[in-house]
């Protein structure tokens, strides 16, 4: 897995926010697959990020989760689960998440159609 730091430079070492996201989502969702990408470097020039000096370098993430914990839940319910689990991270400077949430059955269905 490769992440980027606040300057857009590649880094193999996830920061504390990313580590916390991984731990909390793994514990909560017991995912079959969990992919986290630190996209903060792409947003450092936005006005809110400039106002805080570019942020911590851990402000924007893309998260893809495949978990059977999502079974029977719509997209909004799935996203609310994740946002609730990460409330401390948002309080610590996490600004935005791009989420893809699927069950294992949903991913198998998509793969079968390909």
PDB file of N, CA and C in Angstrom:
ATOM      1  N   UNK A   1       0.845  -1.172   0.000  1.00  0.00           N
ATOM      2  CA  UNK A   1       0.000   0.000   0.000  1.00  0.00           C
ATOM      3  C   UNK A   1       0.893   1.238   0.000  1.00  0.00           C
ATOM      4  N   UNK A   2       0.538   2.194  -0.803  1.00  0.00           N
ATOM      5  CA  UNK A   2       1.299   3.434  -0.861  1.00  0.00           C
ATOM      6  C   UNK A   2       0.389   4.593  -0.490  1.00  0.00           C
ATOM      7  N   UNK A   3       0.927   5.508   0.290  1.00  0.00           N
ATOM      8  CA  UNK A   3       0.171   6.701   0.653  1.00  0.00           C
ATOM      9  C   UNK A   3       0.990   7.907   0.231  1.00  0.00           C
ATOM     10  N   UNK A   4       0.401   9.078   0.313  1.00  0.00           N
ATOM     11  CA  UNK A   4       1.109  10.320  -0.004  1.00  0.00           C
ATOM     12  C   UNK A   4       1.085  11.210   1.223  1.00  0.00           C
ATOM     13  N   UNK A   5       2.163  11.934   1.420  1.00  0.00           N
ATOM     14  CA  UNK A   5       2.168  12.896   2.512  1.00  0.00           C
ATOM     15  C   UNK A   5       1.576  14.220   2.035  1.00  0.00           C
ATOM     16  N   UNK A   6       1.608  15.219   2.879  1.00  0.00           N
ATOM     17  CA  UNK A   6       0.962  16.498   2.558  1.00  0.00           C
ATOM     18  C   UNK A   6       1.554  17.175   1.333  1.00  0.00           C
ATOM     19  N   UNK A   7       2.775  16.825   0.956  1.00  0.00           N
ATOM     20  CA  UNK A   7       3.411  17.449  -0.194  1.00  0.00           C
ATOM     21  C   UNK A   7       3.224  16.641  -1.469  1.00  0.00           C
ATOM     22  N   UNK A   8       2.508  15.531  -1.386  1.00  0.00           N
ATOM     23  CA  UNK A   8       2.280  14.713  -2.568  1.00  0.00           C
ATOM     24  C   UNK A   8       3.415  13.747  -2.823  1.00  0.00           C
ATOM     25  N   UNK A   9       4.297  13.610  -1.875  1.00  0.00           N
ATOM     26  CA  UNK A   9       5.415  12.699  -2.037  1.00  0.00           C
ATOM     27  C   UNK A   9       5.029  11.344  -1.490  1.00  0.00           C
ATOM     28  N   UNK A  10       5.449  10.284  -2.184  1.00  0.00           N
ATOM     29  CA  UNK A  10       5.108   8.944  -1.764  1.00  0.00           C
ATOM     30  C   UNK A  10       5.672   8.621  -0.393  1.00  0.00           C
ATOM     31  N   UNK A  11       4.941   7.852   0.374  1.00  0.00           N
ATOM     32  CA  UNK A  11       5.369   7.453   1.698  1.00  0.00           C
ATOM     33  C   UNK A  11       4.776   6.095   2.011  1.00  0.00           C
ATOM     34  N   UNK A  12       5.552   5.241   2.600  1.00  0.00           N
ATOM     35  CA  UNK A  12       5.059   3.928   2.984  1.00  0.00           C
ATOM     36  C   UNK A  12       4.552   3.920   4.420  1.00  0.00           C
ATOM     37  N   UNK A  13       4.801   4.984   5.153  1.00  0.00           N
ATOM     38  CA  UNK A  13       4.450   5.029   6.569  1.00  0.00           C
ATOM     39  C   UNK A  13       3.164   5.824   6.759  1.00  0.00           C
ATOM     40  N   UNK A  14       2.067   5.138   7.126  1.00  0.00           N
ATOM     41  CA  UNK A  14       0.823   5.878   7.370  1.00  0.00           C
ATOM     42  C   UNK A  14       0.928   6.706   8.644  1.00  0.00           C
ATOM     43  N   UNK A  15       0.282   7.867   8.626  1.00  0.00           N
ATOM     44  CA  UNK A  15       0.281   8.736   9.798  1.00  0.00           C
ATOM     45  C   UNK A  15      -0.700   8.248  10.846  1.00  0.00           C
ATOM     46  N   UNK A  16      -0.760   8.937  11.975  1.00  0.00           N
ATOM     47  CA  UNK A  16      -1.618   8.496  13.072  1.00  0.00           C
ATOM     48  C   UNK A  16      -3.109   8.500  12.747  1.00  0.00           C
ATOM     49  N   UNK A  17      -3.573   9.443  11.941  1.00  0.00           N
ATOM     50  CA  UNK A  17      -5.000   9.465  11.583  1.00  0.00           C
ATOM     51  C   UNK A  17      -5.311   8.246  10.709  1.00  0.00           C
ATOM     52  N   UNK A  18      -4.476   7.999   9.710  1.00  0.00           N
ATOM     53  CA  UNK A  18      -4.702   6.843   8.842  1.00  0.00           C
ATOM     54  C   UNK A  18      -4.645   5.542   9.636  1.00  0.00           C
ATOM     55  N   UNK A  19      -3.704   5.423  10.538  1.00  0.00           N
ATOM     56  CA  UNK A  19      -3.608   4.218  11.361  1.00  0.00           C
ATOM     57  C   UNK A  19      -4.864   4.042  12.205  1.00  0.00           C
ATOM     58  N   UNK A  20      -5.357   5.140  12.749  1.00  0.00           N
ATOM     59  CA  UNK A  20      -6.567   5.087  13.565  1.00  0.00           C
ATOM     60  C   UNK A  20      -7.780   4.692  12.729  1.00  0.00           C
ATOM     61  N   UNK A  21      -7.890   5.253  11.516  1.00  0.00           N
ATOM     62  CA  UNK A  21      -8.990   4.886  10.614  1.00  0.00           C
ATOM     63  C   UNK A  21      -8.943   3.382  10.351  1.00  0.00           C
ATOM     64  N   UNK A  22      -7.765   2.866  10.012  1.00  0.00           N
ATOM     65  CA  UNK A  22      -7.610   1.442   9.703  1.00  0.00           C
ATOM     66  C   UNK A  22      -8.006   0.571  10.895  1.00  0.00           C
ATOM     67  N   UNK A  23      -7.522   0.925  12.064  1.00  0.00           N
ATOM     68  CA  UNK A  23      -7.812   0.138  13.267  1.00  0.00           C
ATOM     69  C   UNK A  23      -9.299   0.147  13.587  1.00  0.00           C
ATOM     70  N   UNK A  24      -9.889   1.331  13.603  1.00  0.00           N
ATOM     71  CA  UNK A  24     -11.304   1.433  13.980  1.00  0.00           C
ATOM     72  C   UNK A  24     -12.219   0.729  12.977  1.00  0.00           C
ATOM     73  N   UNK A  25     -11.960   0.912  11.677  1.00  0.00           N
ATOM     74  CA  UNK A  25     -12.817   0.272  10.685  1.00  0.00           C
ATOM     75  C   UNK A  25     -12.609  -1.235  10.667  1.00  0.00           C
ATOM     76  N   UNK A  26     -11.396  -1.683  10.908  1.00  0.00           N
ATOM     77  CA  UNK A  26     -11.137  -3.130  10.973  1.00  0.00           C
ATOM     78  C   UNK A  26     -11.878  -3.748  12.154  1.00  0.00           C
ATOM     79  N   UNK A  27     -11.807  -3.093  13.306  1.00  0.00           N
ATOM     80  CA  UNK A  27     -12.487  -3.599  14.499  1.00  0.00           C
ATOM     81  C   UNK A  27     -14.003  -3.589  14.337  1.00  0.00           C
ATOM     82  N   UNK A  28     -14.528  -2.499  13.800  1.00  0.00           N
ATOM     83  CA  UNK A  28     -15.972  -2.342  13.667  1.00  0.00           C
ATOM     84  C   UNK A  28     -16.570  -3.239  12.600  1.00  0.00           C
ATOM     85  N   UNK A  29     -15.914  -3.298  11.440  1.00  0.00           N
ATOM     86  CA  UNK A  29     -16.531  -3.914  10.265  1.00  0.00           C
ATOM     87  C   UNK A  29     -15.991  -5.298   9.917  1.00  0.00           C
ATOM     88  N   UNK A  30     -14.863  -5.703  10.503  1.00  0.00           N
ATOM     89  CA  UNK A  30     -14.242  -6.982  10.150  1.00  0.00           C
ATOM     90  C   UNK A  30     -14.247  -7.162   8.630  1.00  0.00           C
ATOM     91  N   UNK A  31     -13.632  -6.235   7.903  1.00  0.00           N
ATOM     92  CA  UNK A  31     -13.757  -6.222   6.442  1.00  0.00           C
ATOM     93  C   UNK A  31     -13.024  -7.371   5.758  1.00  0.00           C
ATOM     94  N   UNK A  32     -13.582  -7.766   4.619  1.00  0.00           N
ATOM     95  CA  UNK A  32     -12.919  -8.709   3.724  1.00  0.00           C
ATOM     96  C   UNK A  32     -11.806  -7.963   2.996  1.00  0.00           C
ATOM     97  N   UNK A  33     -12.067  -6.695   2.696  1.00  0.00           N
ATOM     98  CA  UNK A  33     -11.081  -5.839   2.030  1.00  0.00           C
ATOM     99  C   UNK A  33     -11.225  -4.419   2.563  1.00  0.00           C
ATOM    100  N   UNK A  34     -10.095  -3.784   2.839  1.00  0.00           N
ATOM    101  CA  UNK A  34     -10.076  -2.400   3.307  1.00  0.00           C
ATOM    102  C   UNK A  34      -8.913  -1.694   2.632  1.00  0.00           C
ATOM    103  N   UNK A  35      -9.234  -0.659   1.871  1.00  0.00           N
ATOM    104  CA  UNK A  35      -8.216   0.116   1.176  1.00  0.00           C
ATOM    105  C   UNK A  35      -8.364   1.576   1.589  1.00  0.00           C
ATOM    106  N   UNK A  36      -7.247   2.167   2.013  1.00  0.00           N
ATOM    107  CA  UNK A  36      -7.260   3.558   2.457  1.00  0.00           C
ATOM    108  C   UNK A  36      -6.188   4.320   1.691  1.00  0.00           C
ATOM    109  N   UNK A  37      -6.589   5.431   1.079  1.00  0.00           N
ATOM    110  CA  UNK A  37      -5.653   6.271   0.338  1.00  0.00           C
ATOM    111  C   UNK A  37      -5.688   7.678   0.922  1.00  0.00           C
ATOM    112  N   UNK A  38      -4.521   8.188   1.303  1.00  0.00           N
ATOM    113  CA  UNK A  38      -4.416   9.547   1.820  1.00  0.00           C
ATOM    114  C   UNK A  38      -4.335  10.500   0.631  1.00  0.00           C
ATOM    115  N   UNK A  39      -5.410  11.222   0.395  1.00  0.00           N
ATOM    116  CA  UNK A  39      -5.505  12.150  -0.729  1.00  0.00           C
ATOM    117  C   UNK A  39      -5.263  13.598  -0.311  1.00  0.00           C
ATOM    118  N   UNK A  40      -4.793  13.814   0.882  1.00  0.00           N
ATOM    119  CA  UNK A  40      -4.651  15.160   1.441  1.00  0.00           C
ATOM    120  C   UNK A  40      -3.796  16.068   0.576  1.00  0.00           C
ATOM    121  N   UNK A  41      -2.745  15.526  -0.001  1.00  0.00           N
ATOM    122  CA  UNK A  41      -1.828  16.330  -0.817  1.00  0.00           C
ATOM    123  C   UNK A  41      -2.547  16.974  -2.002  1.00  0.00           C
ATOM    124  N   UNK A  42      -3.639  16.366  -2.466  1.00  0.00           N
ATOM    125  CA  UNK A  42      -4.387  16.920  -3.597  1.00  0.00           C
ATOM    126  C   UNK A  42      -5.230  18.123  -3.189  1.00  0.00           C
ATOM    127  N   UNK A  43      -5.407  18.334  -1.893  1.00  0.00           N
ATOM    128  CA  UNK A  43      -6.314  19.379  -1.403  1.00  0.00           C
ATOM    129  C   UNK A  43      -5.604  20.475  -0.619  1.00  0.00           C
ATOM    130  N   UNK A  44      -4.300  20.424  -0.523  1.00  0.00           N
ATOM    131  CA  UNK A  44      -3.570  21.376   0.321  1.00  0.00           C
ATOM    132  C   UNK A  44      -3.711  22.820  -0.151  1.00  0.00           C
ATOM    133  N   UNK A  45      -4.067  23.017  -1.432  1.00  0.00           N
ATOM    134  CA  UNK A  45      -4.209  24.382  -1.952  1.00  0.00           C
ATOM    135  C   UNK A  45      -5.608  24.957  -1.762  1.00  0.00           C
ATOM    136  N   UNK A  46      -6.567  24.156  -1.306  1.00  0.00           N
ATOM    137  CA  UNK A  46      -7.925  24.655  -1.085  1.00  0.00           C
ATOM    138  C   UNK A  46      -7.938  25.649   0.075  1.00  0.00           C
ATOM    139  N   UNK A  47      -8.798  26.637  -0.016  1.00  0.00           N
ATOM    140  CA  UNK A  47      -8.845  27.725   0.968  1.00  0.00           C
ATOM    141  C   UNK A  47      -8.905  27.229   2.419  1.00  0.00           C
ATOM    142  N   UNK A  48      -9.788  26.275   2.766  1.00  0.00           N
ATOM    143  CA  UNK A  48      -9.823  25.835   4.172  1.00  0.00           C
ATOM    144  C   UNK A  48      -8.507  25.193   4.621  1.00  0.00           C
ATOM    145  N   UNK A  49      -7.817  24.508   3.710  1.00  0.00           N
ATOM    146  CA  UNK A  49      -6.554  23.872   4.064  1.00  0.00           C
ATOM    147  C   UNK A  49      -5.434  24.910   4.166  1.00  0.00           C
ATOM    148  N   UNK A  50      -5.459  25.910   3.280  1.00  0.00           N
ATOM    149  CA  UNK A  50      -4.464  26.993   3.360  1.00  0.00           C
ATOM    150  C   UNK A  50      -4.607  27.742   4.681  1.00  0.00           C
ATOM    151  N   UNK A  51      -5.854  27.909   5.125  1.00  0.00           N
ATOM    152  CA  UNK A  51      -6.118  28.651   6.354  1.00  0.00           C
ATOM    153  C   UNK A  51      -5.487  27.979   7.573  1.00  0.00           C
ATOM    154  N   UNK A  52      -5.281  26.680   7.498  1.00  0.00           N
ATOM    155  CA  UNK A  52      -4.658  25.972   8.622  1.00  0.00           C
ATOM    156  C   UNK A  52      -3.261  25.485   8.245  1.00  0.00           C
ATOM    157  N   UNK A  53      -2.648  26.188   7.303  1.00  0.00           N
ATOM    158  CA  UNK A  53      -1.274  25.879   6.929  1.00  0.00           C
ATOM    159  C   UNK A  53      -1.115  24.569   6.176  1.00  0.00           C
ATOM    160  N   UNK A  54      -2.144  24.144   5.459  1.00  0.00           N
ATOM    161  CA  UNK A  54      -2.068  22.896   4.700  1.00  0.00           C
ATOM    162  C   UNK A  54      -2.577  21.701   5.473  1.00  0.00           C
ATOM    163  N   UNK A  55      -2.945  21.907   6.716  1.00  0.00           N
ATOM    164  CA  UNK A  55      -3.443  20.805   7.530  1.00  0.00           C
ATOM    165  C   UNK A  55      -2.307  19.921   8.003  1.00  0.00           C
ATOM    166  N   UNK A  56      -2.656  18.814   8.581  1.00  0.00           N
ATOM    167  CA  UNK A  56      -1.679  17.888   9.150  1.00  0.00           C
ATOM    168  C   UNK A  56      -1.099  16.953   8.106  1.00  0.00           C
ATOM    169  N   UNK A  57      -1.591  17.052   6.874  1.00  0.00           N
ATOM    170  CA  UNK A  57      -1.207  16.062   5.869  1.00  0.00           C
ATOM    171  C   UNK A  57      -2.106  14.848   5.947  1.00  0.00           C
ATOM    172  N   UNK A  58      -3.076  14.887   6.839  1.00  0.00           N
ATOM    173  CA  UNK A  58      -4.035  13.791   6.984  1.00  0.00           C
ATOM    174  C   UNK A  58      -5.440  14.369   7.138  1.00  0.00           C
ATOM    175  N   UNK A  59      -5.900  14.991   6.065  1.00  0.00           N
ATOM    176  CA  UNK A  59      -7.203  15.650   6.112  1.00  0.00           C
ATOM    177  C   UNK A  59      -8.231  15.051   5.164  1.00  0.00           C
ATOM    178  N   UNK A  60      -7.772  14.425   4.080  1.00  0.00           N
ATOM    179  CA  UNK A  60      -8.664  13.875   3.055  1.00  0.00           C
ATOM    180  C   UNK A  60      -8.249  12.436   2.735  1.00  0.00           C
ATOM    181  N   UNK A  61      -9.212  11.532   2.803  1.00  0.00           N
ATOM    182  CA  UNK A  61      -8.927  10.128   2.517  1.00  0.00           C
ATOM    183  C   UNK A  61     -10.002   9.536   1.618  1.00  0.00           C
ATOM    184  N   UNK A  62      -9.586   8.569   0.798  1.00  0.00           N
ATOM    185  CA  UNK A  62     -10.517   7.713   0.064  1.00  0.00           C
ATOM    186  C   UNK A  62     -10.465   6.355   0.742  1.00  0.00           C
ATOM    187  N   UNK A  63     -11.643   5.830   1.065  1.00  0.00           N
ATOM    188  CA  UNK A  63     -11.725   4.557   1.777  1.00  0.00           C
ATOM    189  C   UNK A  63     -12.673   3.635   1.017  1.00  0.00           C
ATOM    190  N   UNK A  64     -12.196   2.443   0.741  1.00  0.00           N
ATOM    191  CA  UNK A  64     -13.017   1.412   0.109  1.00  0.00           C
ATOM    192  C   UNK A  64     -13.094   0.238   1.075  1.00  0.00           C
ATOM    193  N   UNK A  65     -14.326  -0.161   1.424  1.00  0.00           N
ATOM    194  CA  UNK A  65     -14.527  -1.222   2.404  1.00  0.00           C
ATOM    195  C   UNK A  65     -15.484  -2.260   1.841  1.00  0.00           C
ATOM    196  N   UNK A  66     -15.090  -3.510   1.944  1.00  0.00           N
ATOM    197  CA  UNK A  66     -15.976  -4.626   1.629  1.00  0.00           C
ATOM    198  C   UNK A  66     -16.204  -5.372   2.935  1.00  0.00           C
ATOM    199  N   UNK A  67     -17.453  -5.378   3.397  1.00  0.00           N
ATOM    200  CA  UNK A  67     -17.766  -5.985   4.687  1.00  0.00           C
ATOM    201  C   UNK A  67     -19.203  -6.489   4.709  1.00  0.00           C
ATOM    202  N   UNK A  68     -19.391  -7.640   5.300  1.00  0.00           N
ATOM    203  CA  UNK A  68     -20.745  -8.155   5.458  1.00  0.00           C
ATOM    204  C   UNK A  68     -21.507  -7.425   6.558  1.00  0.00           C
ATOM    205  N   UNK A  69     -20.836  -6.555   7.314  1.00  0.00           N
ATOM    206  CA  UNK A  69     -21.525  -5.712   8.298  1.00  0.00           C
ATOM    207  C   UNK A  69     -22.475  -4.739   7.609  1.00  0.00           C
ATOM    208  N   UNK A  70     -22.304  -4.553   6.299  1.00  0.00           N
ATOM    209  CA  UNK A  70     -23.167  -3.656   5.535  1.00  0.00           C
ATOM    210  C   UNK A  70     -24.432  -4.339   5.021  1.00  0.00           C
ATOM    211  N   UNK A  71     -24.550  -5.635   5.198  1.00  0.00           N
ATOM    212  CA  UNK A  71     -25.706  -6.378   4.694  1.00  0.00           C
ATOM    213  C   UNK A  71     -26.998  -5.786   5.259  1.00  0.00           C
ATOM    214  N   UNK A  72     -27.951  -5.509   4.371  1.00  0.00           N
ATOM    215  CA  UNK A  72     -29.245  -4.966   4.768  1.00  0.00           C
ATOM    216  C   UNK A  72     -29.243  -3.468   5.023  1.00  0.00           C
ATOM    217  N   UNK A  73     -28.111  -2.813   4.832  1.00  0.00           N
ATOM    218  CA  UNK A  73     -28.018  -1.371   5.057  1.00  0.00           C
ATOM    219  C   UNK A  73     -27.868  -0.648   3.722  1.00  0.00           C
ATOM    220  N   UNK A  74     -28.530   0.505   3.608  1.00  0.00           N
ATOM    221  CA  UNK A  74     -28.370   1.299   2.396  1.00  0.00           C
ATOM    222  C   UNK A  74     -27.084   2.116   2.499  1.00  0.00           C
ATOM    223  N   UNK A  75     -26.748   2.810   1.442  1.00  0.00           N
ATOM    224  CA  UNK A  75     -25.493   3.568   1.394  1.00  0.00           C
ATOM    225  C   UNK A  75     -25.404   4.587   2.524  1.00  0.00           C
ATOM    226  N   UNK A  76     -26.464   5.307   2.774  1.00  0.00           N
ATOM    227  CA  UNK A  76     -26.464   6.324   3.831  1.00  0.00           C
ATOM    228  C   UNK A  76     -26.184   5.689   5.197  1.00  0.00           C
ATOM    229  N   UNK A  77     -26.813   4.576   5.488  1.00  0.00           N
ATOM    230  CA  UNK A  77     -26.595   3.898   6.769  1.00  0.00           C
ATOM    231  C   UNK A  77     -25.141   3.420   6.898  1.00  0.00           C
ATOM    232  N   UNK A  78     -24.583   2.935   5.811  1.00  0.00           N
ATOM    233  CA  UNK A  78     -23.195   2.472   5.813  1.00  0.00           C
ATOM    234  C   UNK A  78     -22.245   3.630   6.102  1.00  0.00           C
ATOM    235  N   UNK A  79     -22.484   4.744   5.431  1.00  0.00           N
ATOM    236  CA  UNK A  79     -21.627   5.910   5.616  1.00  0.00           C
ATOM    237  C   UNK A  79     -21.749   6.465   7.032  1.00  0.00           C
ATOM    238  N   UNK A  80     -22.957   6.453   7.568  1.00  0.00           N
ATOM    239  CA  UNK A  80     -23.161   6.933   8.940  1.00  0.00           C
ATOM    240  C   UNK A  80     -22.399   6.074   9.944  1.00  0.00           C
ATOM    241  N   UNK A  81     -22.367   4.760   9.710  1.00  0.00           N
ATOM    242  CA  UNK A  81     -21.590   3.861  10.578  1.00  0.00           C
ATOM    243  C   UNK A  81     -20.136   4.297  10.625  1.00  0.00           C
ATOM    244  N   UNK A  82     -19.586   4.582   9.454  1.00  0.00           N
ATOM    245  CA  UNK A  82     -18.176   4.944   9.350  1.00  0.00           C
ATOM    246  C   UNK A  82     -17.930   6.318   9.971  1.00  0.00           C
ATOM    247  N   UNK A  83     -18.772   7.290   9.647  1.00  0.00           N
ATOM    248  CA  UNK A  83     -18.593   8.631  10.207  1.00  0.00           C
ATOM    249  C   UNK A  83     -18.708   8.609  11.733  1.00  0.00           C
ATOM    250  N   UNK A  84     -19.629   7.828  12.271  1.00  0.00           N
ATOM    251  CA  UNK A  84     -19.772   7.730  13.728  1.00  0.00           C
ATOM    252  C   UNK A  84     -18.524   7.110  14.352  1.00  0.00           C
ATOM    253  N   UNK A  85     -17.973   6.096  13.710  1.00  0.00           N
ATOM    254  CA  UNK A  85     -16.776   5.428  14.234  1.00  0.00           C
ATOM    255  C   UNK A  85     -15.562   6.350  14.222  1.00  0.00           C
ATOM    256  N   UNK A  86     -15.552   7.316  13.312  1.00  0.00           N
ATOM    257  CA  UNK A  86     -14.383   8.187  13.140  1.00  0.00           C
ATOM    258  C   UNK A  86     -14.600   9.601  13.685  1.00  0.00           C
ATOM    259  N   UNK A  87     -15.535   9.757  14.600  1.00  0.00           N
ATOM    260  CA  UNK A  87     -15.837  11.096  15.127  1.00  0.00           C
ATOM    261  C   UNK A  87     -14.615  11.736  15.789  1.00  0.00           C
ATOM    262  N   UNK A  88     -13.790  10.965  16.479  1.00  0.00           N
ATOM    263  CA  UNK A  88     -12.587  11.525  17.107  1.00  0.00           C
ATOM    264  C   UNK A  88     -11.600  12.018  16.057  1.00  0.00           C
ATOM    265  N   UNK A  89     -11.491  11.297  14.940  1.00  0.00           N
ATOM    266  CA  UNK A  89     -10.578  11.692  13.876  1.00  0.00           C
ATOM    267  C   UNK A  89     -11.040  12.992  13.215  1.00  0.00           C
ATOM    268  N   UNK A  90     -12.345  13.152  13.044  1.00  0.00           N
ATOM    269  CA  UNK A  90     -12.866  14.407  12.497  1.00  0.00           C
ATOM    270  C   UNK A  90     -12.574  15.556  13.461  1.00  0.00           C
ATOM    271  N   UNK A  91     -12.699  15.312  14.745  1.00  0.00           N
ATOM    272  CA  UNK A  91     -12.404  16.339  15.736  1.00  0.00           C
ATOM    273  C   UNK A  91     -10.916  16.698  15.740  1.00  0.00           C
ATOM    274  N   UNK A  92     -10.067  15.751  15.309  1.00  0.00           N
ATOM    275  CA  UNK A  92      -8.617  15.966  15.305  1.00  0.00           C
ATOM    276  C   UNK A  92      -8.094  16.519  13.984  1.00  0.00           C
ATOM    277  N   UNK A  93      -8.978  16.823  13.020  1.00  0.00           N
ATOM    278  CA  UNK A  93      -8.517  17.458  11.791  1.00  0.00           C
ATOM    279  C   UNK A  93      -8.877  16.743  10.506  1.00  0.00           C
ATOM    280  N   UNK A  94      -9.421  15.529  10.590  1.00  0.00           N
ATOM    281  CA  UNK A  94      -9.911  14.865   9.379  1.00  0.00           C
ATOM    282  C   UNK A  94     -11.009  15.738   8.792  1.00  0.00           C
ATOM    283  N   UNK A  95     -10.913  16.018   7.507  1.00  0.00           N
ATOM    284  CA  UNK A  95     -11.822  16.972   6.876  1.00  0.00           C
ATOM    285  C   UNK A  95     -12.830  16.287   5.950  1.00  0.00           C
ATOM    286  N   UNK A  96     -12.399  15.256   5.215  1.00  0.00           N
ATOM    287  CA  UNK A  96     -13.294  14.649   4.227  1.00  0.00           C
ATOM    288  C   UNK A  96     -12.921  13.194   3.962  1.00  0.00           C
ATOM    289  N   UNK A  97     -13.961  12.402   3.713  1.00  0.00           N
ATOM    290  CA  UNK A  97     -13.804  11.006   3.313  1.00  0.00           C
ATOM    291  C   UNK A  97     -14.562  10.778   2.015  1.00  0.00           C
ATOM    292  N   UNK A  98     -13.938  10.070   1.108  1.00  0.00           N
ATOM    293  CA  UNK A  98     -14.624   9.562  -0.074  1.00  0.00           C
ATOM    294  C   UNK A  98     -14.805   8.075   0.197  1.00  0.00           C
ATOM    295  N   UNK A  99     -16.056   7.623   0.264  1.00  0.00           N
ATOM    296  CA  UNK A  99     -16.332   6.250   0.698  1.00  0.00           C
ATOM    297  C   UNK A  99     -16.921   5.392  -0.413  1.00  0.00           C
ATOM    298  N   UNK A 100     -16.423   4.158  -0.493  1.00  0.00           N
ATOM    299  CA  UNK A 100     -17.032   3.100  -1.304  1.00  0.00           C
ATOM    300  C   UNK A 100     -17.285   1.959  -0.342  1.00  0.00           C
ATOM    301  N   UNK A 101     -18.569   1.603  -0.193  1.00  0.00           N
ATOM    302  CA  UNK A 101     -18.946   0.581   0.786  1.00  0.00           C
ATOM    303  C   UNK A 101     -19.760  -0.498   0.094  1.00  0.00           C
ATOM    304  N   UNK A 102     -19.299  -1.721   0.198  1.00  0.00           N
ATOM    305  CA  UNK A 102     -19.988  -2.844  -0.444  1.00  0.00           C
ATOM    306  C   UNK A 102     -19.943  -4.062   0.459  1.00  0.00           C
ATOM    307  N   UNK A 103     -20.899  -4.964   0.245  1.00  0.00           N
ATOM    308  CA  UNK A 103     -20.832  -6.270   0.892  1.00  0.00           C
ATOM    309  C   UNK A 103     -20.030  -7.193  -0.019  1.00  0.00           C
ATOM    310  N   UNK A 104     -19.598  -8.305   0.515  1.00  0.00           N
ATOM    311  CA  UNK A 104     -18.860  -9.262  -0.302  1.00  0.00           C
ATOM    312  C   UNK A 104     -19.731  -9.769  -1.454  1.00  0.00           C
ATOM    313  N   UNK A 105     -21.011  -9.987  -1.201  1.00  0.00           N
ATOM    314  CA  UNK A 105     -21.930 -10.440  -2.246  1.00  0.00           C
ATOM    315  C   UNK A 105     -22.044  -9.401  -3.363  1.00  0.00           C
ATOM    316  N   UNK A 106     -22.086  -8.128  -3.016  1.00  0.00           N
ATOM    317  CA  UNK A 106     -22.169  -7.073  -4.032  1.00  0.00           C
ATOM    318  C   UNK A 106     -20.928  -7.050  -4.917  1.00  0.00           C
ATOM    319  N   UNK A 107     -19.766  -7.249  -4.331  1.00  0.00           N
ATOM    320  CA  UNK A 107     -18.539  -7.256  -5.149  1.00  0.00           C
ATOM    321  C   UNK A 107     -18.494  -8.478  -6.043  1.00  0.00           C
ATOM    322  N   UNK A 108     -18.993  -9.616  -5.565  1.00  0.00           N
ATOM    323  CA  UNK A 108     -19.015 -10.830  -6.383  1.00  0.00           C
ATOM    324  C   UNK A 108     -19.968 -10.670  -7.556  1.00  0.00           C
ATOM    325  N   UNK A 109     -21.092  -9.987  -7.316  1.00  0.00           N
ATOM    326  CA  UNK A 109     -22.059  -9.738  -8.376  1.00  0.00           C
ATOM    327  C   UNK A 109     -21.443  -8.876  -9.490  1.00  0.00           C
ATOM    328  N   UNK A 110     -20.710  -7.851  -9.108  1.00  0.00           N
ATOM    329  CA  UNK A 110     -20.060  -6.963 -10.080  1.00  0.00           C
ATOM    330  C   UNK A 110     -18.998  -7.728 -10.844  1.00  0.00           C
ATOM    331  N   UNK A 111     -18.220  -8.551 -10.159  1.00  0.00           N
ATOM    332  CA  UNK A 111     -17.177  -9.337 -10.824  1.00  0.00           C
ATOM    333  C   UNK A 111     -17.782 -10.340 -11.807  1.00  0.00           C
ATOM    334  N   UNK A 112     -18.923 -10.919 -11.472  1.00  0.00           N
ATOM    335  CA  UNK A 112     -19.576 -11.886 -12.344  1.00  0.00           C
ATOM    336  C   UNK A 112     -20.102 -11.230 -13.612  1.00  0.00           C
ATOM    337  N   UNK A 113     -20.465  -9.948 -13.525  1.00  0.00           N
ATOM    338  CA  UNK A 113     -20.978  -9.224 -14.695  1.00  0.00           C
ATOM    339  C   UNK A 113     -19.865  -8.764 -15.621  1.00  0.00           C
ATOM    340  N   UNK A 114     -18.634  -8.744 -15.125  1.00  0.00           N
ATOM    341  CA  UNK A 114     -17.509  -8.258 -15.927  1.00  0.00           C
ATOM    342  C   UNK A 114     -17.060  -9.276 -16.948  1.00  0.00           C
TER     343      UNK A 114
END
